[in-house]
Amino acid sequence: MQRRSFFYGYYIIAACAGIQAIGVGSYVAFGVFFKPLLAEFTWSRGMLSGAHSLAFLISGGLGIFVGKLVDRFGPRFLMTAAGLFFGGSLLLVSTIHAPWQLYLFYSLFFGMGMSAVDVIALNTTARWFVRRRGVMTGIVKMGTGFGQMLIPFLANVLIVGVGWRQAYAIIGGVGMMLLVLIAQVLRHDPFRMGLFPDNIPAEISGSGFREKEESLWTVMRGRAFWMIFFANLSACFCLMSIMVHIVPHAIDVGISPKASATILSAIGGASIVGRFSIGSAIDRIGNRRSMILCFVLLILMLLWLQFSNELWMFYLFAVVYGFAHGGLFTVISPIVAEYFGIRSHGLLFGVAVFAGTVGGFIGPIFAGSLFDITGSYGIAFWGFLFVATIGFGLIFSLQPIRFSKK
């Protein structure tokens, strides 16, 4: 079979990057809405953080189910349904007046929409690319960085101009339309279109290595999967907490609300570089070493944050932390594929994502509740440092993978 002039896999990458930008960008923009919601409703930070964290947890739990379905049925229909839930939930959030509405519309409905964002985008990428899986995953995750940089900035502009309710309605309506349209581009794998991964018309084993393909039961009984599981839990415990609380923390230490919002955008911009750089590094030095590097940078920046009280210090934090943030979210799908193959990648990646959502659920509540008790994020930040060190230890102890030659 001859190669086509333009590989459809590149349309897949563009579509998956768009899904990541809209989905994750809208999710992290909650940090910009945090203060306006506190001001209008006088809710505690712990309660408000809980709604955001519960959405993350629900998205991860459902992500296991989505992963199993996408392995069997493919991504297009599932992403269309998720887009409707995603946009509709934010339209409903713009009407809330009570905590139960926030938890129903945002935590449950938005969580249902978010459940497909990582699993579908990264599972589909893993199926379309093997030899260039790392760099293509990095490009897809660059979409997340663009979304984290752009959507919080636009949200802040909209909040100032038309208020937080109209801002959420606009983001929800536009997001729904775009996600449903993008979903129509997705295809399960290249073989169903008469194509091959990486657009190379030969069996993958002919390229010099054979990916591991273990049964689901063997994977789940092994130590390696659970080391990755808990390392991702540790990472997201820290990462999602920072994304929720960095803006209110900066405001608390005297940074203006407008400048504080730009810190979140700076993290998104730096994460773009991190996602592409770590994605490229994966194809050269492997997933394990790439993940170790990201954990080292995360630990250093959590130490730096303890002493940051000026805008330039927050910007330096944003640049280095953003690089590590982007890298850690990029490496998790390829490391699952590298260690366990793609036969059940959707389900296994869904389980790994769920681990992250458990950490992302606990972390922001942990930080918000400690602030409510102590009036400071200091103890919470030391807690993040401890948890990040555990994650580093798990990945450092992970046995390097060896490809079998043919």
Foldseek 3Di string as FASTA:
>chain_A
DDFDPDDLLVLLLVLLLQLLLLLLLVLLLVLLCLVVVCVVQVDFLLLSLLLSLLLLLLLLVCLLVVLVVCLPPNQQVQLLVLLCLQLVLLLQVLVDDDSVSSNCSRNPSNSSSSNCSQLRSLLQLCQQADLLSLLSLLSSLLSNLNSQQPLSLQQNVCCVPPRNSVSSNVSSVVSSVSRNVSSVSTDSHCVVVVAHRVRDPDDPLVVWFDAAADDPVVLVPDPQLVLLLLLLLLVLLQLLQCSNCQLVQLVVLPDDNNLSSNLSSLLSNLLSVLSNVLSVVCSPPNLLVSLLVLLVLCLVLLVLVLPDRDSVSSSVSSNSNSSSSSNSSSSSLVVCCRRHNSSSSSNSSSSSSSSSSVSNSPNNSVQSVVCVVPVHSNVSSVVSSVSSVSSSVSSVPRDDDDTDTD
